[in-house]
Amino acid sequence: MTVNKIDKILGHSPTSGGALQKLLRRGYEKAHLTRVLKHIFPKHLSDGIKNVKKNGTALHVECLNSSIATNIRFESESLKEALSCLSDFKDINEIRPFVGNFSRANSEP
């Protein structure tokens, strides 16, 4: 089985770059949003945040445990206010914390 590095694949096969580019962009965006959110949220919450994903006007926050998720739910109004001054989060009107993985968050209404 041959293993190619992403740079090689993108350099030699532009046709496969479409899906791969999209996947890379989503990964970079998720990492960026997670870093920003961890910086803005209070330390007692940011230490329990695993990943962040923006879906329209909802912000899905993957938490390490249910205690952090509950605290984020209770503090969501003040957290939205703190995020509203940042361009990446200015359209967010709902924060949806959960414990688990993003496939579960996508199936919620």
C-alpha atoms as a PDB file:
ATOM      1  CA  MET A   1       0.000   0.000   0.000  1.00  0.00           C
ATOM      2  CA  THR A   2       1.417   3.355  -1.033  1.00  0.00           C
ATOM      3  CA  VAL A   3       1.160   6.301   1.343  1.00  0.00           C
ATOM      4  CA  ASN A   4       1.272   9.796  -0.148  1.00  0.00           C
ATOM      5  CA  LYS A   5       1.589  13.032   1.730  1.00  0.00           C
ATOM      6  CA  ILE A   6      -1.222  15.552   1.251  1.00  0.00           C
ATOM      7  CA  ASP A   7       1.098  18.067  -0.435  1.00  0.00           C
ATOM      8  CA  LYS A   8       2.097  15.424  -3.004  1.00  0.00           C
ATOM      9  CA  ILE A   9      -1.508  14.483  -3.708  1.00  0.00           C
ATOM     10  CA  LEU A  10      -2.526  18.118  -4.154  1.00  0.00           C
ATOM     11  CA  GLY A  11       0.515  18.831  -6.348  1.00  0.00           C
ATOM     12  CA  HIS A  12       0.133  15.864  -8.691  1.00  0.00           C
ATOM     13  CA  SER A  13      -3.595  15.360  -8.873  1.00  0.00           C
ATOM     14  CA  PRO A  14      -5.605  18.577  -9.066  1.00  0.00           C
ATOM     15  CA  THR A  15      -8.804  16.642  -9.782  1.00  0.00           C
ATOM     16  CA  SER A  16      -8.651  14.968  -6.357  1.00  0.00           C
ATOM     17  CA  GLY A  17      -7.878  18.316  -4.748  1.00  0.00           C
ATOM     18  CA  GLY A  18     -11.527  19.413  -4.692  1.00  0.00           C
ATOM     19  CA  ALA A  19     -12.746  17.052  -1.996  1.00  0.00           C
ATOM     20  CA  LEU A  20      -9.426  17.075  -0.213  1.00  0.00           C
ATOM     21  CA  GLN A  21      -9.246  20.873  -0.263  1.00  0.00           C
ATOM     22  CA  LYS A  22     -12.750  21.057   1.199  1.00  0.00           C
ATOM     23  CA  LEU A  23     -11.820  18.610   3.947  1.00  0.00           C
ATOM     24  CA  LEU A  24      -8.654  20.560   4.766  1.00  0.00           C
ATOM     25  CA  ARG A  25     -10.547  23.883   4.866  1.00  0.00           C
ATOM     26  CA  ARG A  26     -13.118  22.431   7.270  1.00  0.00           C
ATOM     27  CA  GLY A  27     -10.339  21.096   9.490  1.00  0.00           C
ATOM     28  CA  TYR A  28      -8.506  24.425   9.537  1.00  0.00           C
ATOM     29  CA  GLU A  29     -11.740  26.306  10.256  1.00  0.00           C
ATOM     30  CA  LYS A  30     -12.664  23.971  13.113  1.00  0.00           C
ATOM     31  CA  ALA A  31      -9.179  24.313  14.641  1.00  0.00           C
ATOM     32  CA  HIS A  32      -9.284  28.105  14.284  1.00  0.00           C
ATOM     33  CA  LEU A  33     -12.754  28.427  15.849  1.00  0.00           C
ATOM     34  CA  THR A  34     -11.749  26.121  18.706  1.00  0.00           C
ATOM     35  CA  ARG A  35      -8.610  28.184  19.463  1.00  0.00           C
ATOM     36  CA  VAL A  36     -10.563  31.460  19.429  1.00  0.00           C
ATOM     37  CA  LEU A  37     -13.357  30.077  21.590  1.00  0.00           C
ATOM     38  CA  LYS A  38     -10.915  28.648  24.143  1.00  0.00           C
ATOM     39  CA  HIS A  39      -9.263  32.069  24.347  1.00  0.00           C
ATOM     40  CA  ILE A  40     -12.549  33.966  24.824  1.00  0.00           C
ATOM     41  CA  PHE A  41     -14.350  31.587  27.196  1.00  0.00           C
ATOM     42  CA  PRO A  42     -13.475  31.669  30.906  1.00  0.00           C
ATOM     43  CA  LYS A  43     -10.758  29.182  31.884  1.00  0.00           C
ATOM     44  CA  HIS A  44     -13.153  26.984  33.894  1.00  0.00           C
ATOM     45  CA  LEU A  45     -15.076  26.369  30.649  1.00  0.00           C
ATOM     46  CA  SER A  46     -12.349  26.521  28.016  1.00  0.00           C
ATOM     47  CA  ASP A  47     -10.384  23.697  29.637  1.00  0.00           C
ATOM     48  CA  GLY A  48     -13.347  21.402  28.998  1.00  0.00           C
ATOM     49  CA  ILE A  49     -13.875  22.268  25.332  1.00  0.00           C
ATOM     50  CA  LYS A  50     -12.725  19.670  22.840  1.00  0.00           C
ATOM     51  CA  ASN A  51     -13.892  21.025  19.444  1.00  0.00           C
ATOM     52  CA  VAL A  52     -16.101  23.706  17.961  1.00  0.00           C
ATOM     53  CA  LYS A  53     -18.128  23.722  14.772  1.00  0.00           C
ATOM     54  CA  LYS A  54     -20.232  26.517  13.321  1.00  0.00           C
ATOM     55  CA  ASN A  55     -23.407  25.540  11.474  1.00  0.00           C
ATOM     56  CA  GLY A  56     -25.318  28.592  10.253  1.00  0.00           C
ATOM     57  CA  THR A  57     -26.207  30.613  13.332  1.00  0.00           C
ATOM     58  CA  ALA A  58     -25.623  27.735  15.758  1.00  0.00           C
ATOM     59  CA  LEU A  59     -22.325  27.031  17.444  1.00  0.00           C
ATOM     60  CA  HIS A  60     -21.806  23.366  18.355  1.00  0.00           C
ATOM     61  CA  VAL A  61     -19.379  22.956  21.242  1.00  0.00           C
ATOM     62  CA  GLU A  62     -18.042  19.476  21.907  1.00  0.00           C
ATOM     63  CA  CYS A  63     -17.335  19.205  25.643  1.00  0.00           C
ATOM     64  CA  LEU A  64     -15.237  16.736  27.610  1.00  0.00           C
ATOM     65  CA  ASN A  65     -17.964  16.143  30.184  1.00  0.00           C
ATOM     66  CA  SER A  66     -21.578  16.950  31.020  1.00  0.00           C
ATOM     67  CA  SER A  67     -20.617  19.398  33.758  1.00  0.00           C
ATOM     68  CA  ILE A  68     -18.907  21.704  31.246  1.00  0.00           C
ATOM     69  CA  ALA A  69     -21.814  21.345  28.807  1.00  0.00           C
ATOM     70  CA  THR A  70     -24.296  22.292  31.536  1.00  0.00           C
ATOM     71  CA  ASN A  71     -22.236  25.318  32.591  1.00  0.00           C
ATOM     72  CA  ILE A  72     -22.049  26.498  28.974  1.00  0.00           C
ATOM     73  CA  ARG A  73     -25.842  26.141  28.676  1.00  0.00           C
ATOM     74  CA  PHE A  74     -26.366  28.246  31.817  1.00  0.00           C
ATOM     75  CA  GLU A  75     -23.852  30.890  30.724  1.00  0.00           C
ATOM     76  CA  SER A  76     -24.774  30.882  27.026  1.00  0.00           C
ATOM     77  CA  GLU A  77     -26.229  34.422  26.985  1.00  0.00           C
ATOM     78  CA  SER A  78     -23.105  36.017  28.442  1.00  0.00           C
ATOM     79  CA  LEU A  79     -20.899  33.828  26.244  1.00  0.00           C
ATOM     80  CA  LYS A  80     -22.810  34.880  23.092  1.00  0.00           C
ATOM     81  CA  GLU A  81     -22.378  38.504  24.126  1.00  0.00           C
ATOM     82  CA  ALA A  82     -18.618  38.023  24.569  1.00  0.00           C
ATOM     83  CA  LEU A  83     -18.401  36.358  21.143  1.00  0.00           C
ATOM     84  CA  SER A  84     -20.563  38.912  19.317  1.00  0.00           C
ATOM     85  CA  CYS A  85     -17.677  41.357  18.886  1.00  0.00           C
ATOM     86  CA  LEU A  86     -15.660  38.795  16.883  1.00  0.00           C
ATOM     87  CA  SER A  87     -16.288  38.542  13.139  1.00  0.00           C
ATOM     88  CA  ASP A  88     -16.194  34.718  13.167  1.00  0.00           C
ATOM     89  CA  PHE A  89     -18.993  34.575  15.736  1.00  0.00           C
ATOM     90  CA  LYS A  90     -21.064  37.730  15.163  1.00  0.00           C
ATOM     91  CA  ASP A  91     -23.985  35.812  13.583  1.00  0.00           C
ATOM     92  CA  ILE A  92     -24.189  33.165  16.313  1.00  0.00           C
ATOM     93  CA  ASN A  93     -27.515  33.225  18.126  1.00  0.00           C
ATOM     94  CA  GLU A  94     -27.399  29.765  19.702  1.00  0.00           C
ATOM     95  CA  ILE A  95     -24.705  27.797  21.509  1.00  0.00           C
ATOM     96  CA  ARG A  96     -25.278  24.032  21.569  1.00  0.00           C
ATOM     97  CA  PRO A  97     -22.903  22.290  23.965  1.00  0.00           C
ATOM     98  CA  PHE A  98     -22.876  18.495  23.978  1.00  0.00           C
ATOM     99  CA  VAL A  99     -20.808  15.555  25.151  1.00  0.00           C
ATOM    100  CA  GLY A 100     -19.917  13.118  22.405  1.00  0.00           C
ATOM    101  CA  ASN A 101     -18.880  13.592  18.809  1.00  0.00           C
ATOM    102  CA  PHE A 102     -20.005  15.830  15.965  1.00  0.00           C
ATOM    103  CA  SER A 103     -22.012  13.137  14.183  1.00  0.00           C
ATOM    104  CA  ARG A 104     -24.433  13.228  17.125  1.00  0.00           C
ATOM    105  CA  ALA A 105     -24.622  17.023  17.061  1.00  0.00           C
ATOM    106  CA  ASN A 106     -25.532  16.997  13.367  1.00  0.00           C
ATOM    107  CA  SER A 107     -28.526  14.764  13.974  1.00  0.00           C
ATOM    108  CA  GLU A 108     -30.085  17.112  16.551  1.00  0.00           C
ATOM    109  CA  PRO A 109     -32.826  19.489  15.347  1.00  0.00           C
END
